[in-house]
C-alpha atoms as a PDB file:
ATOM      1  CA  MET A   1       0.000   0.000   0.000  1.00  0.00           C
ATOM      2  CA  ILE A   2       1.610   3.261  -1.071  1.00  0.00           C
ATOM      3  CA  TYR A   3       2.167   6.275   1.121  1.00  0.00           C
ATOM      4  CA  GLU A   4      -0.689   8.410  -0.246  1.00  0.00           C
ATOM      5  CA  GLU A   5      -3.264   5.649   0.185  1.00  0.00           C
ATOM      6  CA  LYS A   6      -2.366   4.460   3.666  1.00  0.00           C
ATOM      7  CA  ILE A   7      -4.675   5.706   6.427  1.00  0.00           C
ATOM      8  CA  LYS A   8      -3.472   5.496   9.986  1.00  0.00           C
ATOM      9  CA  ILE A   9      -6.541   5.485  12.217  1.00  0.00           C
ATOM     10  CA  ILE A  10      -4.466   5.483  15.364  1.00  0.00           C
ATOM     11  CA  LEU A  11      -2.711   8.763  14.624  1.00  0.00           C
ATOM     12  CA  THR A  12      -4.804  10.764  12.202  1.00  0.00           C
ATOM     13  CA  PHE A  13      -8.475  10.187  12.841  1.00  0.00           C
ATOM     14  CA  ALA A  14      -8.731   9.089  16.461  1.00  0.00           C
ATOM     15  CA  PRO A  15     -10.283  11.724  18.747  1.00  0.00           C
ATOM     16  CA  ARG A  16      -7.935  12.878  21.471  1.00  0.00           C
ATOM     17  CA  ASN A  17     -10.096  11.233  24.146  1.00  0.00           C
ATOM     18  CA  THR A  18     -10.407   7.920  22.263  1.00  0.00           C
ATOM     19  CA  LYS A  19      -7.894   5.205  23.036  1.00  0.00           C
ATOM     20  CA  VAL A  20      -6.606   3.174  20.125  1.00  0.00           C
ATOM     21  CA  SER A  21      -6.926   0.072  22.261  1.00  0.00           C
ATOM     22  CA  ASP A  22     -10.707   0.592  22.125  1.00  0.00           C
ATOM     23  CA  MET A  23     -10.620   0.472  18.308  1.00  0.00           C
ATOM     24  CA  ARG A  24      -8.514  -2.495  17.171  1.00  0.00           C
ATOM     25  CA  GLN A  25      -5.401  -4.558  17.765  1.00  0.00           C
ATOM     26  CA  LEU A  26      -2.177  -2.855  16.747  1.00  0.00           C
ATOM     27  CA  THR A  27       0.736  -4.364  14.835  1.00  0.00           C
ATOM     28  CA  PHE A  28       4.302  -3.274  15.600  1.00  0.00           C
ATOM     29  CA  ALA A  29       7.332  -3.914  13.368  1.00  0.00           C
ATOM     30  CA  LEU A  30      10.485  -4.146  15.488  1.00  0.00           C
ATOM     31  CA  PHE A  31      13.982  -3.306  14.214  1.00  0.00           C
ATOM     32  CA  GLY A  32      17.084  -3.118  16.375  1.00  0.00           C
ATOM     33  CA  ASN A  33      20.812  -2.713  16.739  1.00  0.00           C
ATOM     34  CA  ILE A  34      22.511  -6.113  16.906  1.00  0.00           C
ATOM     35  CA  TYR A  35      25.679  -4.896  18.648  1.00  0.00           C
ATOM     36  CA  GLN A  36      24.368  -3.797  22.046  1.00  0.00           C
ATOM     37  CA  PRO A  37      23.781  -6.822  24.304  1.00  0.00           C
ATOM     38  CA  ARG A  38      23.963  -4.652  27.421  1.00  0.00           C
ATOM     39  CA  LYS A  39      20.702  -3.029  26.310  1.00  0.00           C
ATOM     40  CA  SER A  40      18.785  -6.313  26.189  1.00  0.00           C
ATOM     41  CA  SER A  41      16.722  -5.412  29.275  1.00  0.00           C
ATOM     42  CA  SER A  42      15.123  -2.555  27.326  1.00  0.00           C
ATOM     43  CA  VAL A  43      14.068  -4.965  24.572  1.00  0.00           C
ATOM     44  CA  GLN A  44      12.598  -7.327  27.144  1.00  0.00           C
ATOM     45  CA  LYS A  45      10.680  -4.434  28.682  1.00  0.00           C
ATOM     46  CA  LEU A  46       9.253  -3.425  25.322  1.00  0.00           C
ATOM     47  CA  LEU A  47       8.227  -6.974  24.407  1.00  0.00           C
ATOM     48  CA  CYS A  48       6.524  -7.389  27.774  1.00  0.00           C
ATOM     49  CA  LEU A  49       4.586  -4.134  27.345  1.00  0.00           C
ATOM     50  CA  LEU A  50       3.421  -5.117  23.875  1.00  0.00           C
ATOM     51  CA  GLU A  51       2.416  -8.579  25.088  1.00  0.00           C
ATOM     52  CA  GLN A  52       0.330  -6.983  27.836  1.00  0.00           C
ATOM     53  CA  ARG A  53      -1.426  -4.931  25.153  1.00  0.00           C
ATOM     54  CA  LYS A  54      -2.003  -8.104  23.081  1.00  0.00           C
ATOM     55  CA  ALA A  55      -0.262  -6.404  20.164  1.00  0.00           C
ATOM     56  CA  ARG A  56       0.927  -8.260  17.079  1.00  0.00           C
ATOM     57  CA  VAL A  57       4.716  -8.024  16.934  1.00  0.00           C
ATOM     58  CA  LEU A  58       6.756  -8.480  13.768  1.00  0.00           C
ATOM     59  CA  VAL A  59      10.530  -8.744  14.249  1.00  0.00           C
ATOM     60  CA  ASP A  60      13.257  -8.135  11.687  1.00  0.00           C
ATOM     61  CA  ALA A  61      15.017 -11.429  10.920  1.00  0.00           C
ATOM     62  CA  ALA A  62      18.537 -10.256  11.833  1.00  0.00           C
ATOM     63  CA  PHE A  63      17.312  -8.718  15.096  1.00  0.00           C
ATOM     64  CA  TYR A  64      15.300 -11.862  15.871  1.00  0.00           C
ATOM     65  CA  ARG A  65      18.387 -14.094  15.501  1.00  0.00           C
ATOM     66  CA  TYR A  66      20.388 -11.691  17.636  1.00  0.00           C
ATOM     67  CA  LEU A  67      17.797 -11.724  20.434  1.00  0.00           C
ATOM     68  CA  LYS A  68      17.412 -15.502  20.362  1.00  0.00           C
ATOM     69  CA  GLU A  69      21.009 -16.597  19.861  1.00  0.00           C
ATOM     70  CA  ASP A  70      23.200 -13.836  21.288  1.00  0.00           C
ATOM     71  CA  VAL A  71      21.276 -12.377  24.232  1.00  0.00           C
ATOM     72  CA  LYS A  72      19.033 -15.416  24.867  1.00  0.00           C
ATOM     73  CA  ILE A  73      15.696 -13.590  24.943  1.00  0.00           C
ATOM     74  CA  GLU A  74      12.569 -15.634  24.296  1.00  0.00           C
ATOM     75  CA  VAL A  75      10.788 -13.935  21.408  1.00  0.00           C
ATOM     76  CA  HIS A  76       7.505 -15.165  19.949  1.00  0.00           C
ATOM     77  CA  PRO A  77       6.665 -12.822  17.081  1.00  0.00           C
ATOM     78  CA  ALA A  78       3.546 -13.065  14.957  1.00  0.00           C
ATOM     79  CA  ALA A  79       5.908 -13.045  11.974  1.00  0.00           C
ATOM     80  CA  ILE A  80       9.565 -12.564  11.122  1.00  0.00           C
ATOM     81  CA  ILE A  81      10.407  -9.804   8.634  1.00  0.00           C
ATOM     82  CA  THR A  82      12.763 -11.245   6.034  1.00  0.00           C
ATOM     83  CA  ASN A  83      12.361  -8.575   3.337  1.00  0.00           C
ATOM     84  CA  ASP A  84      10.388  -5.369   2.799  1.00  0.00           C
ATOM     85  CA  ASP A  85       7.058  -7.153   2.302  1.00  0.00           C
ATOM     86  CA  PHE A  86       5.405  -6.319   5.630  1.00  0.00           C
ATOM     87  CA  ASP A  87       2.757  -4.015   7.039  1.00  0.00           C
ATOM     88  CA  ALA A  88       2.299  -2.543  10.502  1.00  0.00           C
ATOM     89  CA  ASP A  89       0.683   0.321  12.375  1.00  0.00           C
ATOM     90  CA  VAL A  90       3.953   1.437  13.958  1.00  0.00           C
ATOM     91  CA  ALA A  91       7.617   0.589  13.366  1.00  0.00           C
ATOM     92  CA  ILE A  92       9.941   0.740  16.386  1.00  0.00           C
ATOM     93  CA  SER A  93      13.671   1.270  15.954  1.00  0.00           C
ATOM     94  CA  MET A  94      15.804   0.280  18.937  1.00  0.00           C
ATOM     95  CA  GLY A  95      19.311   1.667  18.524  1.00  0.00           C
ATOM     96  CA  GLY A  96      20.856   4.919  17.409  1.00  0.00           C
ATOM     97  CA  ASP A  97      20.176   7.098  14.387  1.00  0.00           C
ATOM     98  CA  GLY A  98      21.897   4.548  12.136  1.00  0.00           C
ATOM     99  CA  THR A  99      19.376   1.909  13.166  1.00  0.00           C
ATOM    100  CA  PHE A 100      16.587   4.428  12.586  1.00  0.00           C
ATOM    101  CA  LEU A 101      17.851   5.112   9.053  1.00  0.00           C
ATOM    102  CA  GLU A 102      17.831   1.387   8.308  1.00  0.00           C
ATOM    103  CA  ALA A 103      14.274   1.115   9.648  1.00  0.00           C
ATOM    104  CA  ALA A 104      13.291   4.059   7.441  1.00  0.00           C
ATOM    105  CA  ARG A 105      14.796   2.281   4.427  1.00  0.00           C
ATOM    106  CA  ARG A 106      12.810  -0.867   5.216  1.00  0.00           C
ATOM    107  CA  VAL A 107       9.601   1.089   5.743  1.00  0.00           C
ATOM    108  CA  GLY A 108      10.131   2.997   2.479  1.00  0.00           C
ATOM    109  CA  ASN A 109       6.907   4.325   1.004  1.00  0.00           C
ATOM    110  CA  LYS A 110       4.575   2.300   3.249  1.00  0.00           C
ATOM    111  CA  GLY A 111       3.601   5.343   5.323  1.00  0.00           C
ATOM    112  CA  ILE A 112       4.252   3.492   8.596  1.00  0.00           C
ATOM    113  CA  PRO A 113       5.226   5.945  11.363  1.00  0.00           C
ATOM    114  CA  ILE A 114       8.516   5.157  13.116  1.00  0.00           C
ATOM    115  CA  LEU A 115       9.267   5.494  16.821  1.00  0.00           C
ATOM    116  CA  GLY A 116      12.969   5.744  17.629  1.00  0.00           C
ATOM    117  CA  VAL A 117      14.219   4.396  20.967  1.00  0.00           C
ATOM    118  CA  ASN A 118      17.735   5.712  21.543  1.00  0.00           C
ATOM    119  CA  MET A 119      19.999   2.910  22.747  1.00  0.00           C
ATOM    120  CA  GLY A 120      23.163   4.820  21.855  1.00  0.00           C
ATOM    121  CA  HIS A 121      24.467   8.280  22.616  1.00  0.00           C
ATOM    122  CA  LEU A 122      23.319  11.441  20.804  1.00  0.00           C
ATOM    123  CA  GLY A 123      20.255  10.365  18.843  1.00  0.00           C
ATOM    124  CA  PHE A 124      18.351  13.100  16.989  1.00  0.00           C
ATOM    125  CA  LEU A 125      15.973  10.728  15.222  1.00  0.00           C
ATOM    126  CA  ALA A 126      15.850   8.162  18.006  1.00  0.00           C
ATOM    127  CA  ASP A 127      14.972  10.460  20.886  1.00  0.00           C
ATOM    128  CA  ILE A 128      12.960   8.196  23.208  1.00  0.00           C
ATOM    129  CA  THR A 129      15.122   6.934  26.072  1.00  0.00           C
ATOM    130  CA  PRO A 130      14.855   3.333  27.328  1.00  0.00           C
ATOM    131  CA  ASP A 131      13.349   4.732  30.545  1.00  0.00           C
ATOM    132  CA  ASP A 132      10.548   6.321  28.497  1.00  0.00           C
ATOM    133  CA  ILE A 133       9.481   3.164  26.661  1.00  0.00           C
ATOM    134  CA  GLY A 134       6.459   2.556  28.873  1.00  0.00           C
ATOM    135  CA  ALA A 135       5.184   6.108  28.535  1.00  0.00           C
ATOM    136  CA  ALA A 136       5.797   6.003  24.790  1.00  0.00           C
ATOM    137  CA  ILE A 137       3.711   2.854  24.293  1.00  0.00           C
ATOM    138  CA  ASP A 138       0.938   4.353  26.431  1.00  0.00           C
ATOM    139  CA  GLY A 139       1.119   7.530  24.353  1.00  0.00           C
ATOM    140  CA  ILE A 140       0.775   5.597  21.097  1.00  0.00           C
ATOM    141  CA  TYR A 141      -2.255   3.690  22.354  1.00  0.00           C
ATOM    142  CA  ASP A 142      -3.818   6.876  23.713  1.00  0.00           C
ATOM    143  CA  GLY A 143      -3.324   8.698  20.403  1.00  0.00           C
ATOM    144  CA  LEU A 144      -0.993  11.298  21.932  1.00  0.00           C
ATOM    145  CA  PHE A 145       2.030  10.755  19.683  1.00  0.00           C
ATOM    146  CA  GLN A 146       1.812  12.618  16.400  1.00  0.00           C
ATOM    147  CA  PRO A 147       3.645  11.815  13.139  1.00  0.00           C
ATOM    148  CA  GLU A 148       6.062  14.434  11.804  1.00  0.00           C
ATOM    149  CA  GLU A 149       6.731  14.107   8.082  1.00  0.00           C
ATOM    150  CA  ARG A 150      10.360  14.236   6.952  1.00  0.00           C
ATOM    151  CA  VAL A 151      11.413  14.789   3.349  1.00  0.00           C
ATOM    152  CA  VAL A 152      13.267  11.988   1.561  1.00  0.00           C
ATOM    153  CA  ILE A 153      15.544  12.462  -1.451  1.00  0.00           C
ATOM    154  CA  GLY A 154      16.081  10.041  -4.303  1.00  0.00           C
ATOM    155  CA  MET A 155      19.056   9.501  -6.591  1.00  0.00           C
ATOM    156  CA  GLU A 156      19.138   8.495 -10.260  1.00  0.00           C
ATOM    157  CA  TYR A 157      22.041   7.603 -12.539  1.00  0.00           C
ATOM    158  CA  SER A 158      22.280   8.938 -16.080  1.00  0.00           C
ATOM    159  CA  LYS A 159      23.138   5.376 -17.160  1.00  0.00           C
ATOM    160  CA  GLY A 160      21.973   2.239 -15.437  1.00  0.00           C
ATOM    161  CA  THR A 161      20.530   2.082 -11.939  1.00  0.00           C
ATOM    162  CA  PRO A 162      22.066   2.320  -8.448  1.00  0.00           C
ATOM    163  CA  VAL A 163      23.033  -1.010  -6.911  1.00  0.00           C
ATOM    164  CA  GLY A 164      21.493  -0.196  -3.539  1.00  0.00           C
ATOM    165  CA  TYR A 165      18.305   1.469  -2.350  1.00  0.00           C
ATOM    166  CA  PRO A 166      18.372   4.924  -4.006  1.00  0.00           C
ATOM    167  CA  TYR A 167      16.491   6.925  -1.352  1.00  0.00           C
ATOM    168  CA  ALA A 168      17.890   8.776   1.652  1.00  0.00           C
ATOM    169  CA  LEU A 169      16.345  10.322   4.745  1.00  0.00           C
ATOM    170  CA  ASN A 170      19.620  12.048   5.683  1.00  0.00           C
ATOM    171  CA  GLU A 171      21.870  12.653   2.682  1.00  0.00           C
ATOM    172  CA  VAL A 172      23.355  11.612  -0.619  1.00  0.00           C
ATOM    173  CA  ALA A 173      27.106  12.226  -0.859  1.00  0.00           C
ATOM    174  CA  VAL A 174      29.751  11.808  -3.545  1.00  0.00           C
ATOM    175  CA  LEU A 175      33.225  11.160  -2.151  1.00  0.00           C
ATOM    176  CA  LYS A 176      36.737  10.428  -3.357  1.00  0.00           C
ATOM    177  CA  ARG A 177      37.845   6.804  -3.053  1.00  0.00           C
ATOM    178  CA  ASP A 178      40.380   5.798  -0.400  1.00  0.00           C
ATOM    179  CA  ASN A 179      43.544   7.891  -0.651  1.00  0.00           C
ATOM    180  CA  ALA A 180      42.784   9.266  -4.117  1.00  0.00           C
ATOM    181  CA  SER A 181      43.333  12.935  -4.824  1.00  0.00           C
ATOM    182  CA  MET A 182      40.465  15.389  -4.659  1.00  0.00           C
ATOM    183  CA  ILE A 183      37.567  15.087  -7.078  1.00  0.00           C
ATOM    184  CA  SER A 184      35.907  17.738  -9.214  1.00  0.00           C
ATOM    185  CA  ILE A 185      32.128  18.046  -8.861  1.00  0.00           C
ATOM    186  CA  ARG A 186      30.073  20.193 -11.215  1.00  0.00           C
ATOM    187  CA  VAL A 187      26.695  21.130  -9.722  1.00  0.00           C
ATOM    188  CA  ASP A 188      23.645  22.181 -11.744  1.00  0.00           C
ATOM    189  CA  VAL A 189      20.396  23.228 -10.033  1.00  0.00           C
ATOM    190  CA  ASN A 190      17.231  23.038 -12.135  1.00  0.00           C
ATOM    191  CA  GLY A 191      19.375  22.870 -15.240  1.00  0.00           C
ATOM    192  CA  GLU A 192      21.383  25.984 -14.380  1.00  0.00           C
ATOM    193  CA  TYR A 193      25.113  25.762 -13.701  1.00  0.00           C
ATOM    194  CA  MET A 194      25.839  26.675 -10.074  1.00  0.00           C
ATOM    195  CA  ALA A 195      29.509  25.878  -9.350  1.00  0.00           C
ATOM    196  CA  THR A 196      32.318  23.356  -9.716  1.00  0.00           C
ATOM    197  CA  TYR A 197      33.762  22.115  -6.445  1.00  0.00           C
ATOM    198  CA  GLN A 198      37.334  20.890  -6.033  1.00  0.00           C
ATOM    199  CA  ALA A 199      36.982  18.887  -2.845  1.00  0.00           C
ATOM    200  CA  ASP A 200      37.109  15.505  -1.151  1.00  0.00           C
ATOM    201  CA  GLY A 201      33.388  15.234  -1.752  1.00  0.00           C
ATOM    202  CA  LEU A 202      29.980  16.888  -1.748  1.00  0.00           C
ATOM    203  CA  ILE A 203      26.891  16.291   0.389  1.00  0.00           C
ATOM    204  CA  VAL A 204      23.273  16.929  -0.577  1.00  0.00           C
ATOM    205  CA  SER A 205      21.472  16.929   2.752  1.00  0.00           C
ATOM    206  CA  THR A 206      17.850  16.988   3.836  1.00  0.00           C
ATOM    207  CA  PRO A 207      16.851  18.999   6.921  1.00  0.00           C
ATOM    208  CA  THR A 208      16.808  15.717   8.851  1.00  0.00           C
ATOM    209  CA  GLY A 209      20.394  15.044   7.782  1.00  0.00           C
ATOM    210  CA  SER A 210      21.547  18.540   8.759  1.00  0.00           C
ATOM    211  CA  THR A 211      22.392  17.317  12.284  1.00  0.00           C
ATOM    212  CA  GLY A 212      24.443  14.375  10.986  1.00  0.00           C
ATOM    213  CA  TYR A 213      27.281  14.046   8.485  1.00  0.00           C
ATOM    214  CA  ALA A 214      26.444  17.456   7.001  1.00  0.00           C
ATOM    215  CA  LEU A 215      26.887  19.173  10.370  1.00  0.00           C
ATOM    216  CA  SER A 216      30.322  17.611  10.862  1.00  0.00           C
ATOM    217  CA  ASN A 217      31.369  19.173   7.543  1.00  0.00           C
ATOM    218  CA  GLY A 218      30.280  22.685   8.463  1.00  0.00           C
ATOM    219  CA  GLY A 219      26.712  22.594   7.220  1.00  0.00           C
ATOM    220  CA  PRO A 220      23.928  24.562   8.915  1.00  0.00           C
ATOM    221  CA  VAL A 221      21.335  23.122  11.271  1.00  0.00           C
ATOM    222  CA  ILE A 222      18.016  23.193   9.378  1.00  0.00           C
ATOM    223  CA  GLN A 223      14.515  23.011  10.828  1.00  0.00           C
ATOM    224  CA  PRO A 224      12.804  19.811   9.589  1.00  0.00           C
ATOM    225  CA  GLN A 225       9.765  21.503   8.001  1.00  0.00           C
ATOM    226  CA  SER A 226      11.746  24.204   6.171  1.00  0.00           C
ATOM    227  CA  HIS A 227      11.273  22.568   2.718  1.00  0.00           C
ATOM    228  CA  THR A 228      14.938  22.982   1.830  1.00  0.00           C
ATOM    229  CA  LEU A 229      17.971  20.947   0.844  1.00  0.00           C
ATOM    230  CA  CYS A 230      21.567  21.907   1.517  1.00  0.00           C
ATOM    231  CA  ILE A 231      24.652  21.417  -0.665  1.00  0.00           C
ATOM    232  CA  ILE A 232      27.809  21.112   1.456  1.00  0.00           C
ATOM    233  CA  PRO A 233      31.379  20.530   0.237  1.00  0.00           C
ATOM    234  CA  VAL A 234      33.630  18.071   2.056  1.00  0.00           C
ATOM    235  CA  ALA A 235      37.114  19.535   2.639  1.00  0.00           C
ATOM    236  CA  SER A 236      36.834  22.060  -0.174  1.00  0.00           C
ATOM    237  CA  HIS A 237      40.100  23.322  -1.674  1.00  0.00           C
ATOM    238  CA  SER A 238      38.657  26.841  -1.874  1.00  0.00           C
ATOM    239  CA  LEU A 239      38.014  28.804   1.302  1.00  0.00           C
ATOM    240  CA  SER A 240      35.400  30.919  -0.486  1.00  0.00           C
ATOM    241  CA  ILE A 241      33.135  27.915  -1.079  1.00  0.00           C
ATOM    242  CA  ARG A 242      30.270  27.822   1.425  1.00  0.00           C
ATOM    243  CA  PRO A 243      27.218  25.578   1.918  1.00  0.00           C
ATOM    244  CA  VAL A 244      24.246  26.559  -0.246  1.00  0.00           C
ATOM    245  CA  THR A 245      20.573  26.011   0.622  1.00  0.00           C
ATOM    246  CA  VAL A 246      17.980  25.420  -2.105  1.00  0.00           C
ATOM    247  CA  THR A 247      14.265  24.609  -2.040  1.00  0.00           C
ATOM    248  CA  ASP A 248      13.410  20.925  -1.773  1.00  0.00           C
ATOM    249  CA  ASP A 249      11.629  20.914  -5.132  1.00  0.00           C
ATOM    250  CA  ALA A 250      14.970  21.637  -6.831  1.00  0.00           C
ATOM    251  CA  VAL A 251      16.545  19.092  -9.166  1.00  0.00           C
ATOM    252  CA  ILE A 252      20.278  18.809  -8.463  1.00  0.00           C
ATOM    253  CA  THR A 253      22.619  17.241 -11.018  1.00  0.00           C
ATOM    254  CA  LEU A 254      26.199  16.242 -10.179  1.00  0.00           C
ATOM    255  CA  HIS A 255      28.942  15.540 -12.746  1.00  0.00           C
ATOM    256  CA  VAL A 256      32.040  14.091 -11.082  1.00  0.00           C
ATOM    257  CA  SER A 257      35.531  13.657 -12.488  1.00  0.00           C
ATOM    258  CA  SER A 258      38.520  12.174 -10.708  1.00  0.00           C
ATOM    259  CA  ARG A 259      42.070  11.100 -11.429  1.00  0.00           C
ATOM    260  CA  ASN A 260      41.223   7.416 -11.114  1.00  0.00           C
ATOM    261  CA  HIS A 261      37.960   7.865 -13.111  1.00  0.00           C
ATOM    262  CA  ASN A 262      35.592   6.697 -10.390  1.00  0.00           C
ATOM    263  CA  PHE A 263      34.242   7.806  -7.038  1.00  0.00           C
ATOM    264  CA  LEU A 264      32.017   6.683  -4.161  1.00  0.00           C
ATOM    265  CA  VAL A 265      28.320   7.375  -3.832  1.00  0.00           C
ATOM    266  CA  SER A 266      26.983   7.237  -0.277  1.00  0.00           C
ATOM    267  CA  VAL A 267      23.215   7.094   0.364  1.00  0.00           C
ATOM    268  CA  ASP A 268      22.582   7.388   4.103  1.00  0.00           C
ATOM    269  CA  GLY A 269      25.945   5.691   4.669  1.00  0.00           C
ATOM    270  CA  ARG A 270      25.391   2.860   2.163  1.00  0.00           C
ATOM    271  CA  SER A 271      28.261   3.197  -0.314  1.00  0.00           C
ATOM    272  CA  GLU A 272      28.865   1.985  -3.847  1.00  0.00           C
ATOM    273  CA  LYS A 273      31.421   2.729  -6.541  1.00  0.00           C
ATOM    274  CA  CYS A 274      30.409   4.808  -9.535  1.00  0.00           C
ATOM    275  CA  SER A 275      32.176   5.595 -12.806  1.00  0.00           C
ATOM    276  CA  GLU A 276      32.867   9.220 -13.682  1.00  0.00           C
ATOM    277  CA  ASP A 277      30.982   8.892 -16.984  1.00  0.00           C
ATOM    278  CA  ILE A 278      27.750   8.638 -14.983  1.00  0.00           C
ATOM    279  CA  SER A 279      26.064  11.786 -13.699  1.00  0.00           C
ATOM    280  CA  LEU A 280      23.763  11.817 -10.664  1.00  0.00           C
ATOM    281  CA  THR A 281      20.368  13.492 -10.400  1.00  0.00           C
ATOM    282  CA  ILE A 282      19.027  14.123  -6.902  1.00  0.00           C
ATOM    283  CA  ARG A 283      15.472  15.206  -6.216  1.00  0.00           C
ATOM    284  CA  ARG A 284      12.755  14.954  -3.609  1.00  0.00           C
ATOM    285  CA  ALA A 285      11.260  11.463  -3.373  1.00  0.00           C
ATOM    286  CA  PRO A 286       7.553  10.844  -4.034  1.00  0.00           C
ATOM    287  CA  TYR A 287       7.038   9.873  -0.400  1.00  0.00           C
ATOM    288  CA  ALA A 288       7.996  11.090   3.078  1.00  0.00           C
ATOM    289  CA  ILE A 289       8.976   9.311   6.275  1.00  0.00           C
ATOM    290  CA  LYS A 290       6.763   9.742   9.331  1.00  0.00           C
ATOM    291  CA  VAL A 291       8.646  10.176  12.599  1.00  0.00           C
ATOM    292  CA  LEU A 292       6.611   9.757  15.782  1.00  0.00           C
ATOM    293  CA  LYS A 293       7.149  12.592  18.246  1.00  0.00           C
ATOM    294  CA  ARG A 294       6.054  12.822  21.843  1.00  0.00           C
ATOM    295  CA  PRO A 295       3.779  15.697  22.922  1.00  0.00           C
ATOM    296  CA  GLY A 296       5.701  18.929  23.509  1.00  0.00           C
ATOM    297  CA  GLN A 297       8.907  17.646  21.873  1.00  0.00           C
ATOM    298  CA  SER A 298      10.074  20.487  19.619  1.00  0.00           C
ATOM    299  CA  PHE A 299      13.081  20.601  17.297  1.00  0.00           C
ATOM    300  CA  PHE A 300      14.658  23.478  19.224  1.00  0.00           C
ATOM    301  CA  ARG A 301      14.200  21.727  22.538  1.00  0.00           C
ATOM    302  CA  THR A 302      15.957  18.692  21.057  1.00  0.00           C
ATOM    303  CA  LEU A 303      18.847  20.893  19.913  1.00  0.00           C
ATOM    304  CA  ARG A 304      19.211  22.424  23.364  1.00  0.00           C
ATOM    305  CA  THR A 305      19.165  18.984  24.979  1.00  0.00           C
ATOM    306  CA  LYS A 306      21.394  17.094  22.551  1.00  0.00           C
ATOM    307  CA  LEU A 307      23.915  19.833  21.736  1.00  0.00           C
ATOM    308  CA  GLY A 308      23.919  21.572  25.100  1.00  0.00           C
ATOM    309  CA  TRP A 309      23.009  24.970  23.683  1.00  0.00           C
ATOM    310  CA  GLY A 310      22.875  27.626  26.371  1.00  0.00           C
ATOM    311  CA  ALA A 311      24.494  25.392  28.966  1.00  0.00           C
ATOM    312  CA  ASP A 312      27.160  26.960  31.153  1.00  0.00           C
ATOM    313  CA  SER A 313      30.321  24.872  30.740  1.00  0.00           C
ATOM    314  CA  ARG A 314      31.517  26.127  34.131  1.00  0.00           C
ATOM    315  CA  ASP A 315      28.766  24.188  35.923  1.00  0.00           C
END
């Protein structure tokens, strides 16, 4: 069922005083980080809460094997997710932002809202703490959590098709390979020549990605609903080159040349090699990702909390 057709009764049409539990059984799709055994108690807590609610639980196959074989948790899912052919009312990502991005890739254009439980450190997308799991599940059933739509960008090759999934919630980047010399990246926006960058790479970032890889390369922090994309050079060889923000309906074309005649394309961290005779076109995807947010959780509050804005370092 595609994004435009999918209707989420629990989040969109339920009156504020109507509990979802009074309407129908919910199905949860569970994805998780498979490298954090010390966090297994949080997974057990979540599974117990969902069992108490008589929810249907679908578990990603890799996460299921990890829970059963590595951390020895008894899991009895309604189904195991082995590919992208699944449906659910809510997807839950248990890990950091990387795990959330993988869950977003698996959800794709299904329109399933995603709740991120932060099992790592910073976590802009996964901003529910393990201690808040109980309140979060209650909030979902009570219709208090609201979905926040995040723009997704897609990538096309001028010849052939990308090997991996061509959509990104955070960013698409072109990068030099290994210890190769800098690459040259010509950028056209809506068919108009903008600039040619001599750099180690170039990032096209969504507002969601502005607090990730783009930020570490000097990009601006962008409010999620700003309807913009940002073009950020990686280690530019010209000090006058600055990040540029464009509207998210722009079509961005990249022509890359390098000394070894190929380069890397990274889509939300998933990398593949590309030949310099192939140009890339990046544009807004025909679907968005829904991120579940708790009541009163604003973007600026998250920035203050995660980045320590306004905090006195002397304290």
